[in-house]
Protein backbone atom coordinates (compact mmCIF):
# COMPACT_ATOMS: atom_id res chain seq x y z
CA MET A 1 11.73 18.42 -3.25
CA THR A 2 13.13 15.50 -5.18
CA GLY A 3 14.35 16.90 -8.50
CA ARG A 4 12.59 14.04 -10.31
CA ALA A 5 9.27 14.24 -12.15
CA TYR A 6 7.48 12.05 -9.59
CA ASP A 7 7.80 11.85 -5.84
CA VAL A 8 6.28 8.37 -5.81
CA VAL A 9 5.65 5.76 -8.50
CA VAL A 10 3.47 2.87 -7.36
CA ALA A 11 3.58 -0.51 -9.11
CA GLY A 12 0.66 -2.44 -7.71
CA SER A 13 -2.99 -3.35 -7.58
CA VAL A 14 -6.28 -1.61 -8.24
CA ASN A 15 -9.41 -3.15 -6.72
CA ALA A 16 -13.02 -2.37 -6.10
CA ASP A 17 -13.72 -2.84 -2.37
CA LEU A 18 -17.11 -4.45 -1.73
CA VAL A 19 -17.83 -3.69 1.92
CA ILE A 20 -20.47 -5.06 4.29
CA ARG A 21 -20.69 -4.12 7.97
CA VAL A 22 -21.66 -6.99 10.31
CA ASP A 23 -22.43 -7.35 14.01
CA ARG A 24 -20.08 -10.34 14.03
CA ARG A 25 -18.25 -12.46 11.49
CA PRO A 26 -19.94 -15.75 10.54
CA GLY A 27 -18.53 -19.10 11.57
CA ALA A 28 -18.15 -22.02 9.18
CA GLY A 29 -21.49 -22.79 7.53
CA GLU A 30 -23.20 -19.86 9.25
CA THR A 31 -25.15 -16.99 7.67
CA VAL A 32 -25.34 -13.58 9.35
CA ARG A 33 -27.19 -10.45 8.31
CA GLY A 34 -25.10 -7.48 7.16
CA SER A 35 -25.55 -3.89 6.02
CA ASP A 36 -26.25 -2.78 2.50
CA LEU A 37 -23.30 -3.36 0.17
CA ALA A 38 -21.01 -0.34 -0.31
CA THR A 39 -18.56 -0.20 -3.21
CA HIS A 40 -15.36 1.85 -2.86
CA PRO A 41 -12.16 2.18 -4.90
CA GLY A 42 -9.31 0.22 -3.33
CA GLY A 43 -6.38 -2.11 -3.88
CA LYS A 44 -3.17 -1.76 -1.89
CA GLY A 45 -1.32 -0.13 -4.77
CA ALA A 46 -4.06 2.34 -5.64
CA ASN A 47 -4.59 3.10 -1.95
CA GLN A 48 -0.94 4.02 -1.45
CA ALA A 49 -0.93 6.12 -4.61
CA VAL A 50 -4.03 8.07 -3.53
CA ALA A 51 -2.70 8.52 0.02
CA ALA A 52 0.48 10.15 -1.31
CA ALA A 53 -1.39 12.24 -3.91
CA ARG A 54 -3.92 13.54 -1.36
CA LEU A 55 -0.99 14.85 0.69
CA GLY A 56 0.31 16.83 -2.29
CA GLY A 57 2.64 14.27 -3.85
CA ARG A 58 3.38 13.94 -7.54
CA VAL A 59 2.36 10.33 -8.12
CA ALA A 60 2.23 7.91 -11.06
CA PHE A 61 0.86 4.38 -11.24
CA LEU A 62 1.79 1.15 -13.03
CA GLY A 63 -0.71 -1.70 -13.06
CA ARG A 64 -3.67 -3.26 -14.83
CA ALA A 65 -7.41 -2.51 -14.58
CA GLY A 66 -10.29 -4.54 -16.02
CA THR A 67 -12.87 -3.55 -18.60
CA ASP A 68 -15.87 -3.97 -16.27
CA GLY A 69 -17.58 -1.29 -14.22
CA HIS A 70 -15.15 -1.80 -11.34
CA GLY A 71 -12.28 -0.99 -13.70
CA ASP A 72 -14.03 2.22 -14.72
CA LEU A 73 -14.43 3.16 -11.05
CA VAL A 74 -10.76 2.73 -10.13
CA ARG A 75 -9.48 4.51 -13.23
CA GLU A 76 -11.68 7.53 -12.63
CA THR A 77 -10.83 7.69 -8.93
CA LEU A 78 -7.07 7.65 -9.53
CA ARG A 79 -7.43 10.29 -12.24
CA SER A 80 -9.60 12.52 -10.04
CA ASP A 81 -7.00 12.39 -7.25
CA GLY A 82 -4.32 13.60 -9.63
CA VAL A 83 -2.48 10.29 -10.10
CA ASP A 84 -0.82 9.84 -13.51
CA ILE A 85 -2.42 6.68 -14.96
CA GLY A 86 -0.58 6.65 -18.28
CA HIS A 87 0.81 3.21 -17.36
CA LEU A 88 -2.45 1.76 -15.97
CA ILE A 89 -3.09 -0.82 -18.68
CA THR A 90 -6.67 -1.66 -19.63
CA THR A 91 -7.00 -5.45 -19.61
CA PRO A 92 -9.99 -7.39 -21.03
CA GLY A 93 -12.00 -9.05 -18.28
CA ALA A 94 -12.68 -8.51 -14.61
CA ASN A 95 -11.00 -5.91 -12.45
CA GLY A 96 -9.62 -6.93 -9.06
CA VAL A 97 -12.16 -7.08 -6.23
CA ALA A 98 -11.83 -7.22 -2.45
CA LEU A 99 -14.69 -8.63 -0.35
CA ILE A 100 -14.53 -6.89 3.04
CA THR A 101 -16.50 -7.40 6.25
CA VAL A 102 -16.19 -4.79 9.01
CA ASP A 103 -17.24 -5.52 12.60
CA PRO A 104 -18.49 -2.97 15.19
CA SER A 105 -14.92 -2.40 16.50
CA GLY A 106 -13.79 -1.33 13.02
CA ASP A 107 -11.66 -4.41 12.43
CA ASN A 108 -11.97 -6.05 9.03
CA SER A 109 -11.59 -9.36 7.24
CA ILE A 110 -10.69 -9.28 3.54
CA ILE A 111 -10.75 -11.75 0.65
CA VAL A 112 -9.10 -10.57 -2.58
CA SER A 113 -9.93 -11.74 -6.10
CA PRO A 114 -7.00 -10.46 -8.20
CA GLY A 115 -8.66 -10.13 -11.62
CA ALA A 116 -6.53 -7.95 -13.91
CA ASN A 117 -3.92 -7.45 -11.18
CA ALA A 118 -2.74 -11.04 -11.73
CA LYS A 119 -1.78 -10.14 -15.31
CA VAL A 120 0.86 -7.50 -14.50
CA THR A 121 4.09 -8.79 -16.09
CA GLU A 122 7.82 -8.23 -16.15
CA GLN A 123 7.29 -6.93 -19.69
CA ASP A 124 4.94 -4.25 -18.34
CA VAL A 125 7.73 -3.17 -15.98
CA ALA A 126 10.33 -3.13 -18.76
CA ALA A 127 8.07 -0.94 -20.91
CA ALA A 128 7.72 1.49 -17.99
CA ARG A 129 11.46 1.87 -17.27
CA PRO A 130 11.38 5.63 -18.06
CA LEU A 131 8.70 5.99 -15.37
CA PHE A 132 11.02 4.44 -12.77
CA ALA A 133 13.82 6.72 -13.90
CA ASP A 134 11.53 9.67 -13.11
CA ALA A 135 10.73 8.45 -9.57
CA ALA A 136 12.31 9.38 -6.26
CA VAL A 137 10.57 6.47 -4.50
CA VAL A 138 8.96 3.33 -5.94
CA SER A 139 6.30 1.67 -3.79
CA LEU A 140 5.54 -2.05 -4.18
CA GLN A 141 3.18 -4.59 -2.59
CA LEU A 142 2.18 -8.23 -3.27
CA GLU A 143 -1.24 -7.95 -4.90
CA ILE A 144 0.53 -8.32 -8.26
CA PRO A 145 2.67 -11.34 -9.26
CA VAL A 146 5.95 -11.70 -7.37
CA ASP A 147 7.97 -11.84 -10.59
CA ALA A 148 6.60 -8.45 -11.63
CA GLY A 149 7.34 -7.05 -8.17
CA VAL A 150 10.94 -8.28 -8.28
CA ALA A 151 11.39 -6.79 -11.75
CA ALA A 152 9.97 -3.46 -10.53
CA ALA A 153 12.28 -3.39 -7.50
CA ARG A 154 15.31 -4.27 -9.61
CA THR A 155 14.45 -1.64 -12.23
CA ALA A 156 13.83 1.02 -9.59
CA ASP A 157 17.17 0.30 -7.94
CA GLU A 158 18.99 0.41 -11.28
CA GLU A 159 17.40 3.80 -12.00
CA GLY A 160 18.41 5.25 -8.62
CA ALA A 161 14.93 5.25 -7.03
CA ARG A 162 14.40 4.22 -3.41
CA VAL A 163 12.40 1.00 -3.07
CA VAL A 164 9.68 0.79 -0.41
CA PHE A 165 8.25 -2.72 -0.31
CA ASN A 166 5.14 -3.62 1.69
CA LEU A 167 5.10 -7.42 2.04
CA SER A 168 1.32 -7.64 1.98
CA PRO A 169 -0.38 -10.02 1.59
CA ALA A 170 2.41 -12.14 3.08
CA ALA A 171 4.06 -14.51 0.60
CA ASP A 172 7.41 -16.08 -0.04
CA VAL A 173 9.70 -13.70 -1.93
CA PRO A 174 13.30 -14.10 -3.11
CA ASP A 175 16.16 -12.76 -1.02
CA GLU A 176 16.98 -10.39 -3.91
CA LEU A 177 13.75 -8.49 -3.28
CA ILE A 178 14.31 -8.24 0.48
CA ALA A 179 17.82 -6.91 -0.16
CA LEU A 180 16.45 -4.03 -2.26
CA CYS A 181 13.95 -2.85 0.38
CA ASP A 182 14.63 0.55 1.94
CA PRO A 183 12.47 0.06 3.92
CA LEU A 184 10.74 -3.30 4.10
CA VAL A 185 7.30 -2.47 5.55
CA VAL A 186 5.42 -5.24 7.39
CA ASN A 187 2.84 -5.54 10.12
CA GLU A 188 3.36 -7.92 13.02
CA HIS A 189 1.66 -10.84 11.22
CA GLU A 190 3.79 -10.36 8.11
CA ALA A 191 6.95 -10.08 10.22
CA ALA A 192 6.05 -13.38 11.88
CA PHE A 193 5.58 -14.92 8.43
CA LEU A 194 9.17 -13.92 7.66
CA GLY A 195 10.25 -15.68 10.83
CA ASP A 196 11.26 -12.75 13.06
CA THR A 197 9.15 -10.03 14.68
CA ARG A 198 12.21 -8.02 15.70
CA PRO A 199 13.25 -5.18 13.37
CA THR A 200 16.90 -6.12 13.86
CA GLY A 201 16.09 -9.68 12.85
CA LEU A 202 14.56 -8.47 9.60
CA LEU A 203 17.60 -6.29 8.97
CA ALA A 204 19.64 -9.45 9.34
CA ARG A 205 17.53 -10.95 6.52
CA GLY A 206 19.17 -8.37 4.27
CA ALA A 207 16.72 -5.44 4.16
CA ARG A 208 18.39 -2.02 4.08
CA SER A 209 15.86 -0.70 6.60
CA VAL A 210 12.68 -1.97 8.25
CA VAL A 211 9.34 -0.60 9.46
CA ILE A 212 7.06 -2.85 11.52
CA THR A 213 3.59 -1.33 11.87
CA ARG A 214 1.64 -2.18 15.04
CA GLY A 215 -1.75 -0.54 14.58
CA ALA A 216 -2.74 1.62 17.55
CA ASP A 217 0.68 0.94 19.09
CA GLY A 218 2.48 2.79 16.31
CA ALA A 219 5.54 1.38 14.57
CA LEU A 220 9.09 0.19 15.08
CA VAL A 221 11.71 1.59 12.71
CA ALA A 222 15.19 0.14 12.18
CA ASP A 223 18.03 1.34 9.99
CA ALA A 224 21.72 2.21 10.32
CA ASN A 225 20.81 4.68 13.08
CA GLY A 226 19.36 1.93 15.29
CA VAL A 227 15.80 1.08 16.36
CA THR A 228 13.23 3.80 17.02
CA GLU A 229 9.76 3.38 18.50
CA VAL A 230 7.18 5.59 16.79
CA PRO A 231 3.90 6.15 18.69
CA SER A 232 0.52 6.47 17.02
CA PRO A 233 -1.91 9.29 17.89
CA ARG A 234 -5.06 8.20 19.70
CA ALA A 235 -8.04 7.83 17.39
CA GLU A 236 -11.66 6.78 17.64
CA VAL A 237 -11.75 3.80 15.29
CA VAL A 238 -14.55 3.61 12.73
CA ASP A 239 -12.90 1.39 10.09
CA THR A 240 -9.29 0.18 9.84
CA THR A 241 -9.57 -0.67 6.12
CA GLY A 242 -6.70 0.98 4.24
CA ALA A 243 -5.01 2.48 7.31
CA GLY A 244 -1.79 0.57 6.63
CA ASP A 245 -1.81 1.80 3.03
CA ALA A 246 -2.36 5.38 4.19
CA PHE A 247 0.69 4.95 6.44
CA THR A 248 2.83 3.54 3.63
CA GLY A 249 1.79 6.15 1.07
CA ALA A 250 2.61 8.95 3.50
CA LEU A 251 5.91 7.27 4.41
CA CYS A 252 6.89 7.08 0.73
CA LEU A 253 6.11 10.74 0.18
CA ARG A 254 8.16 11.95 3.15
CA LEU A 255 11.09 9.75 2.11
CA ALA A 256 10.87 11.21 -1.39
CA HIS A 257 11.19 14.67 0.16
CA GLY A 258 14.39 13.70 1.95
CA TYR A 259 13.21 13.04 5.51
CA ASP A 260 15.00 10.38 7.53
CA LEU A 261 13.09 7.14 8.11
CA ALA A 262 12.06 7.75 11.74
CA THR A 263 10.78 11.27 10.98
CA ALA A 264 8.90 10.01 7.92
CA ALA A 265 7.33 7.24 10.02
CA ARG A 266 6.13 9.73 12.64
CA PHE A 267 4.28 11.66 9.94
CA ALA A 268 2.94 8.42 8.44
CA ALA A 269 1.57 7.36 11.84
CA ARG A 270 -0.48 10.57 11.97
CA VAL A 271 -1.89 9.86 8.52
CA GLY A 272 -2.72 6.24 9.42
CA ALA A 273 -4.50 7.37 12.58
CA ALA A 274 -6.52 9.93 10.61
CA ALA A 275 -7.61 7.21 8.16
CA VAL A 276 -9.27 5.00 10.79
CA ARG A 277 -11.67 7.79 11.77
CA LYS A 278 -13.77 7.38 8.60
CA ALA A 279 -15.29 4.42 6.76
CA GLY A 280 -13.65 2.95 3.67
CA ALA A 281 -10.09 3.01 2.41
CA GLN A 282 -9.42 5.87 -0.03
CA THR A 283 -12.52 7.71 1.15
CA SER A 284 -10.89 8.03 4.58
CA PHE A 285 -7.48 9.35 3.50
CA PRO A 286 -6.76 12.93 4.61
CA THR A 287 -5.50 15.83 2.56
CA ALA A 288 -2.60 17.86 3.94
CA GLU A 289 -5.05 20.56 5.02
CA GLU A 290 -7.33 18.08 6.81
CA LEU A 291 -4.36 16.51 8.57
């Protein structure tokens, strides 16, 4: 175990996922019929926190939730999964929301309205410095403002925590943030956004280590030990929503427990594959016993 109070501290987003299943996605100007609306707790940050907590991790969360019913949902869900939400700040107004369509193959399309997530600040990070000092690993994504993410990465590094940064959704970030990543976690689209789909190319950008996730094809891992291909278990796909977050949450937890990156990624691939077998994001994440 880590010797710190928390295995993983997540600084990130909390959303309500509004999900509709469709036979096919509509084209421009087209209306299609969908299923009844289902509302699930989500947000990349909250997803990663729940994924790690379900697997037995000691997890805390830094972010902002709204004062509407969606905010109540995400707060209660994090609390019920054992995540410490002492630094989840209640913010007047709307909570973050993701509008998700899922097709018969399980693939999804997502539009995110940030709500309270857009109000996470560098000052919030500064106030939570003791939380970072208590973390073995700090997990970050880009559903909060980039300035807050950079401040969180810098603070985590200063406090001796390992920074895992998931560049999702893809956006321009300063070289300082890339240089603190250990690992930088991207899918193939996000790697292309950075200008190089090769793990060694992303290492050359300054990241300390790199994980490129490839869905059913597993992941590529690169660090000082070289490049390792990590396969994914076969799975009957019901819904891919949140599978990447399940992978990253599991990866963070294994890194916090001292596993090398390739070994941690092999475990994370199992967790990601388990998550696609059920509908929803957090609702699909396995416990250690289920895995």
